Structures are given as C-alpha cells and as structure tokens.
Amino acid sequence: MLPVYGCNTDEAAIDALRAVCGNRTVAPVNCRVLIEQHGSLHCVTMQLPRGAV
C-alpha cells in the first residue's frame, strides 16, 4: 500500500516503489482526504489486525 495524493509526483513514486518491490504488488491508495484531515494511510491502518492488509 502506497499513499498517493493526486499530485504530479504520484506516478514517479509508484514506479520507484515497483522497481524495488520485485514480484510484490504495489497498491496506490489515494490519501488526499486523509491528509486534509491531518492523518494519512498509517492512521487508518494501524488498528487493523495483523495480517489483515
């Protein structure tokens, strides 16, 4: 899971992470609304049970 924000550098970030992740899936998650609410991907996933993501 990779937080993206609807900006012009999102694709570069996705490409860079895919380049080093081997056969793992990179799943971009739009976090623009979360950032505007003073949080991000970590904030909404830290309470998920281990192994759920």
PDB file of N, CA and C in Angstrom:
ATOM      1  N   MET A   1       0.855  -1.167   0.000  1.00  0.00           N
ATOM      2  CA  MET A   1       0.000   0.000   0.000  1.00  0.00           C
ATOM      3  C   MET A   1       0.898   1.225   0.000  1.00  0.00           C
ATOM      4  N   LEU A   2       0.650   2.096  -0.950  1.00  0.00           N
ATOM      5  CA  LEU A   2       1.436   3.313  -1.110  1.00  0.00           C
ATOM      6  C   LEU A   2       0.508   4.514  -1.098  1.00  0.00           C
ATOM      7  N   PRO A   3       0.680   5.421  -0.148  1.00  0.00           N
ATOM      8  CA  PRO A   3      -0.173   6.609  -0.156  1.00  0.00           C
ATOM      9  C   PRO A   3       0.160   7.505  -1.346  1.00  0.00           C
ATOM     10  N   VAL A   4      -0.863   7.933  -2.069  1.00  0.00           N
ATOM     11  CA  VAL A   4      -0.713   8.908  -3.151  1.00  0.00           C
ATOM     12  C   VAL A   4      -1.689  10.038  -2.867  1.00  0.00           C
ATOM     13  N   TYR A   5      -1.432  11.189  -3.510  1.00  0.00           N
ATOM     14  CA  TYR A   5      -2.177  12.381  -3.123  1.00  0.00           C
ATOM     15  C   TYR A   5      -2.767  13.145  -4.293  1.00  0.00           C
ATOM     16  N   GLY A   6      -2.818  12.538  -5.467  1.00  0.00           N
ATOM     17  CA  GLY A   6      -3.391  13.218  -6.619  1.00  0.00           C
ATOM     18  C   GLY A   6      -2.507  14.336  -7.129  1.00  0.00           C
ATOM     19  N   CYS A   7      -1.197  14.177  -7.006  1.00  0.00           N
ATOM     20  CA  CYS A   7      -0.282  15.216  -7.482  1.00  0.00           C
ATOM     21  C   CYS A   7       0.608  14.649  -8.595  1.00  0.00           C
ATOM     22  N   ASN A   8       1.368  15.523  -9.222  1.00  0.00           N
ATOM     23  CA  ASN A   8       2.129  15.115 -10.404  1.00  0.00           C
ATOM     24  C   ASN A   8       3.309  14.202 -10.086  1.00  0.00           C
ATOM     25  N   THR A   9       3.637  13.965  -8.837  1.00  0.00           N
ATOM     26  CA  THR A   9       4.734  13.056  -8.495  1.00  0.00           C
ATOM     27  C   THR A   9       4.258  11.652  -8.098  1.00  0.00           C
ATOM     28  N   ASP A  10       2.963  11.433  -8.073  1.00  0.00           N
ATOM     29  CA  ASP A  10       2.431  10.115  -7.698  1.00  0.00           C
ATOM     30  C   ASP A  10       2.976   9.001  -8.585  1.00  0.00           C
ATOM     31  N   GLU A  11       2.933   9.186  -9.892  1.00  0.00           N
ATOM     32  CA  GLU A  11       3.373   8.126 -10.810  1.00  0.00           C
ATOM     33  C   GLU A  11       4.853   7.808 -10.622  1.00  0.00           C
ATOM     34  N   ALA A  12       5.670   8.830 -10.395  1.00  0.00           N
ATOM     35  CA  ALA A  12       7.097   8.593 -10.162  1.00  0.00           C
ATOM     36  C   ALA A  12       7.309   7.779  -8.892  1.00  0.00           C
ATOM     37  N   ALA A  13       6.536   8.073  -7.847  1.00  0.00           N
ATOM     38  CA  ALA A  13       6.638   7.319  -6.593  1.00  0.00           C
ATOM     39  C   ALA A  13       6.200   5.871  -6.792  1.00  0.00           C
ATOM     40  N   ILE A  14       5.124   5.674  -7.523  1.00  0.00           N
ATOM     41  CA  ILE A  14       4.629   4.323  -7.804  1.00  0.00           C
ATOM     42  C   ILE A  14       5.674   3.539  -8.582  1.00  0.00           C
ATOM     43  N   ASP A  15       6.220   4.150  -9.628  1.00  0.00           N
ATOM     44  CA  ASP A  15       7.243   3.490 -10.448  1.00  0.00           C
ATOM     45  C   ASP A  15       8.481   3.149  -9.633  1.00  0.00           C
ATOM     46  N   ALA A  16       8.919   4.067  -8.770  1.00  0.00           N
ATOM     47  CA  ALA A  16      10.110   3.829  -7.953  1.00  0.00           C
ATOM     48  C   ALA A  16       9.900   2.672  -6.990  1.00  0.00           C
ATOM     49  N   LEU A  17       8.742   2.609  -6.362  1.00  0.00           N
ATOM     50  CA  LEU A  17       8.480   1.516  -5.426  1.00  0.00           C
ATOM     51  C   LEU A  17       8.346   0.190  -6.164  1.00  0.00           C
ATOM     52  N   ARG A  18       7.672   0.190  -7.308  1.00  0.00           N
ATOM     53  CA  ARG A  18       7.557  -1.043  -8.094  1.00  0.00           C
ATOM     54  C   ARG A  18       8.926  -1.556  -8.525  1.00  0.00           C
ATOM     55  N   ALA A  19       9.853  -0.646  -8.799  1.00  0.00           N
ATOM     56  CA  ALA A  19      11.189  -1.032  -9.247  1.00  0.00           C
ATOM     57  C   ALA A  19      11.961  -1.802  -8.184  1.00  0.00           C
ATOM     58  N   VAL A  20      11.647  -1.596  -6.911  1.00  0.00           N
ATOM     59  CA  VAL A  20      12.382  -2.260  -5.836  1.00  0.00           C
ATOM     60  C   VAL A  20      11.577  -3.340  -5.114  1.00  0.00           C
ATOM     61  N   CYS A  21      10.326  -3.534  -5.507  1.00  0.00           N
ATOM     62  CA  CYS A  21       9.459  -4.478  -4.792  1.00  0.00           C
ATOM     63  C   CYS A  21       9.448  -5.887  -5.363  1.00  0.00           C
ATOM     64  N   GLY A  22      10.184  -6.112  -6.431  1.00  0.00           N
ATOM     65  CA  GLY A  22      10.196  -7.454  -7.006  1.00  0.00           C
ATOM     66  C   GLY A  22       8.816  -7.861  -7.480  1.00  0.00           C
ATOM     67  N   ASN A  23       8.356  -9.039  -7.043  1.00  0.00           N
ATOM     68  CA  ASN A  23       7.056  -9.544  -7.502  1.00  0.00           C
ATOM     69  C   ASN A  23       5.896  -9.132  -6.593  1.00  0.00           C
ATOM     70  N   ARG A  24       6.168  -8.290  -5.617  1.00  0.00           N
ATOM     71  CA  ARG A  24       5.091  -7.813  -4.735  1.00  0.00           C
ATOM     72  C   ARG A  24       4.217  -6.806  -5.464  1.00  0.00           C
ATOM     73  N   THR A  25       2.967  -6.724  -5.062  1.00  0.00           N
ATOM     74  CA  THR A  25       2.025  -5.774  -5.651  1.00  0.00           C
ATOM     75  C   THR A  25       2.135  -4.431  -4.936  1.00  0.00           C
ATOM     76  N   VAL A  26       2.217  -3.361  -5.710  1.00  0.00           N
ATOM     77  CA  VAL A  26       2.174  -2.009  -5.160  1.00  0.00           C
ATOM     78  C   VAL A  26       0.754  -1.502  -5.365  1.00  0.00           C
ATOM     79  N   ALA A  27       0.075  -1.201  -4.269  1.00  0.00           N
ATOM     80  CA  ALA A  27      -1.312  -0.756  -4.337  1.00  0.00           C
ATOM     81  C   ALA A  27      -1.396   0.714  -3.930  1.00  0.00           C
ATOM     82  N   PRO A  28      -1.489   1.624  -4.907  1.00  0.00           N
ATOM     83  CA  PRO A  28      -1.642   3.037  -4.566  1.00  0.00           C
ATOM     84  C   PRO A  28      -2.996   3.295  -3.907  1.00  0.00           C
ATOM     85  N   VAL A  29      -2.983   4.073  -2.830  1.00  0.00           N
ATOM     86  CA  VAL A  29      -4.202   4.424  -2.104  1.00  0.00           C
ATOM     87  C   VAL A  29      -4.272   5.946  -2.034  1.00  0.00           C
ATOM     88  N   ASN A  30      -5.331   6.524  -2.586  1.00  0.00           N
ATOM     89  CA  ASN A  30      -5.465   7.972  -2.577  1.00  0.00           C
ATOM     90  C   ASN A  30      -5.730   8.439  -1.145  1.00  0.00           C
ATOM     91  N   CYS A  31      -4.796   9.212  -0.603  1.00  0.00           N
ATOM     92  CA  CYS A  31      -4.881   9.672   0.780  1.00  0.00           C
ATOM     93  C   CYS A  31      -5.075  11.184   0.884  1.00  0.00           C
ATOM     94  N   ARG A  32      -5.469  11.830  -0.201  1.00  0.00           N
ATOM     95  CA  ARG A  32      -5.644  13.282  -0.200  1.00  0.00           C
ATOM     96  C   ARG A  32      -6.608  13.728   0.897  1.00  0.00           C
ATOM     97  N   VAL A  33      -7.751  13.082   1.004  1.00  0.00           N
ATOM     98  CA  VAL A  33      -8.741  13.468   2.024  1.00  0.00           C
ATOM     99  C   VAL A  33      -8.183  13.240   3.421  1.00  0.00           C
ATOM    100  N   LEU A  34      -7.448  12.143   3.609  1.00  0.00           N
ATOM    101  CA  LEU A  34      -6.875  11.865   4.926  1.00  0.00           C
ATOM    102  C   LEU A  34      -5.874  12.938   5.338  1.00  0.00           C
ATOM    103  N   ILE A  35      -5.030  13.365   4.405  1.00  0.00           N
ATOM    104  CA  ILE A  35      -4.048  14.409   4.703  1.00  0.00           C
ATOM    105  C   ILE A  35      -4.760  15.709   5.077  1.00  0.00           C
ATOM    106  N   GLU A  36      -5.828  16.018   4.383  1.00  0.00           N
ATOM    107  CA  GLU A  36      -6.580  17.239   4.692  1.00  0.00           C
ATOM    108  C   GLU A  36      -7.230  17.172   6.072  1.00  0.00           C
ATOM    109  N   GLN A  37      -7.393  15.954   6.589  1.00  0.00           N
ATOM    110  CA  GLN A  37      -7.961  15.754   7.928  1.00  0.00           C
ATOM    111  C   GLN A  37      -6.859  15.517   8.965  1.00  0.00           C
ATOM    112  N   HIS A  38      -5.598  15.787   8.599  1.00  0.00           N
ATOM    113  CA  HIS A  38      -4.435  15.673   9.487  1.00  0.00           C
ATOM    114  C   HIS A  38      -4.076  14.233   9.831  1.00  0.00           C
ATOM    115  N   GLY A  39      -4.201  13.334   8.855  1.00  0.00           N
ATOM    116  CA  GLY A  39      -3.797  11.954   9.027  1.00  0.00           C
ATOM    117  C   GLY A  39      -3.300  11.418   7.704  1.00  0.00           C
ATOM    118  N   SER A  40      -3.074  10.137   7.623  1.00  0.00           N
ATOM    119  CA  SER A  40      -2.706   9.504   6.349  1.00  0.00           C
ATOM    120  C   SER A  40      -2.916   8.001   6.474  1.00  0.00           C
ATOM    121  N   LEU A  41      -2.311   7.261   5.588  1.00  0.00           N
ATOM    122  CA  LEU A  41      -2.536   5.820   5.495  1.00  0.00           C
ATOM    123  C   LEU A  41      -2.213   5.107   6.805  1.00  0.00           C
ATOM    124  N   HIS A  42      -1.140   5.484   7.449  1.00  0.00           N
ATOM    125  CA  HIS A  42      -0.777   4.858   8.722  1.00  0.00           C
ATOM    126  C   HIS A  42      -1.895   5.017   9.747  1.00  0.00           C
ATOM    127  N   CYS A  43      -2.494   6.187   9.780  1.00  0.00           N
ATOM    128  CA  CYS A  43      -3.537   6.472  10.773  1.00  0.00           C
ATOM    129  C   CYS A  43      -4.758   5.575  10.608  1.00  0.00           C
ATOM    130  N   VAL A  44      -5.108   5.239   9.371  1.00  0.00           N
ATOM    131  CA  VAL A  44      -6.312   4.426   9.155  1.00  0.00           C
ATOM    132  C   VAL A  44      -6.019   2.930   9.152  1.00  0.00           C
ATOM    133  N   THR A  45      -4.752   2.537   9.116  1.00  0.00           N
ATOM    134  CA  THR A  45      -4.435   1.106   9.093  1.00  0.00           C
ATOM    135  C   THR A  45      -3.824   0.586  10.389  1.00  0.00           C
ATOM    136  N   MET A  46      -3.408   1.469  11.294  1.00  0.00           N
ATOM    137  CA  MET A  46      -2.681   0.993  12.470  1.00  0.00           C
ATOM    138  C   MET A  46      -3.551   0.175  13.426  1.00  0.00           C
ATOM    139  N   GLN A  47      -4.866   0.254  13.319  1.00  0.00           N
ATOM    140  CA  GLN A  47      -5.735  -0.519  14.206  1.00  0.00           C
ATOM    141  C   GLN A  47      -6.248  -1.805  13.564  1.00  0.00           C
ATOM    142  N   LEU A  48      -5.847  -2.065  12.315  1.00  0.00           N
ATOM    143  CA  LEU A  48      -6.245  -3.317  11.657  1.00  0.00           C
ATOM    144  C   LEU A  48      -5.520  -4.491  12.303  1.00  0.00           C
ATOM    145  N   PRO A  49      -6.168  -5.633  12.378  1.00  0.00           N
ATOM    146  CA  PRO A  49      -5.494  -6.807  12.943  1.00  0.00           C
ATOM    147  C   PRO A  49      -4.288  -7.189  12.083  1.00  0.00           C
ATOM    148  N   ARG A  50      -3.252  -7.688  12.706  1.00  0.00           N
ATOM    149  CA  ARG A  50      -2.054  -8.119  11.991  1.00  0.00           C
ATOM    150  C   ARG A  50      -2.436  -9.137  10.921  1.00  0.00           C
ATOM    151  N   GLY A  51      -1.901  -8.948   9.726  1.00  0.00           N
ATOM    152  CA  GLY A  51      -2.179  -9.850   8.616  1.00  0.00           C
ATOM    153  C   GLY A  51      -3.408  -9.487   7.810  1.00  0.00           C
ATOM    154  N   ALA A  52      -4.158  -8.483   8.249  1.00  0.00           N
ATOM    155  CA  ALA A  52      -5.375  -8.098   7.524  1.00  0.00           C
ATOM    156  C   ALA A  52      -5.062  -7.349   6.241  1.00  0.00           C
ATOM    157  N   VAL A  53      -3.906  -6.729   6.181  1.00  0.00           N
ATOM    158  CA  VAL A  53      -3.541  -5.948   4.991  1.00  0.00           C
ATOM    159  C   VAL A  53      -2.430  -6.642   4.273  1.00  0.00           C
TER     160      VAL A  53
END
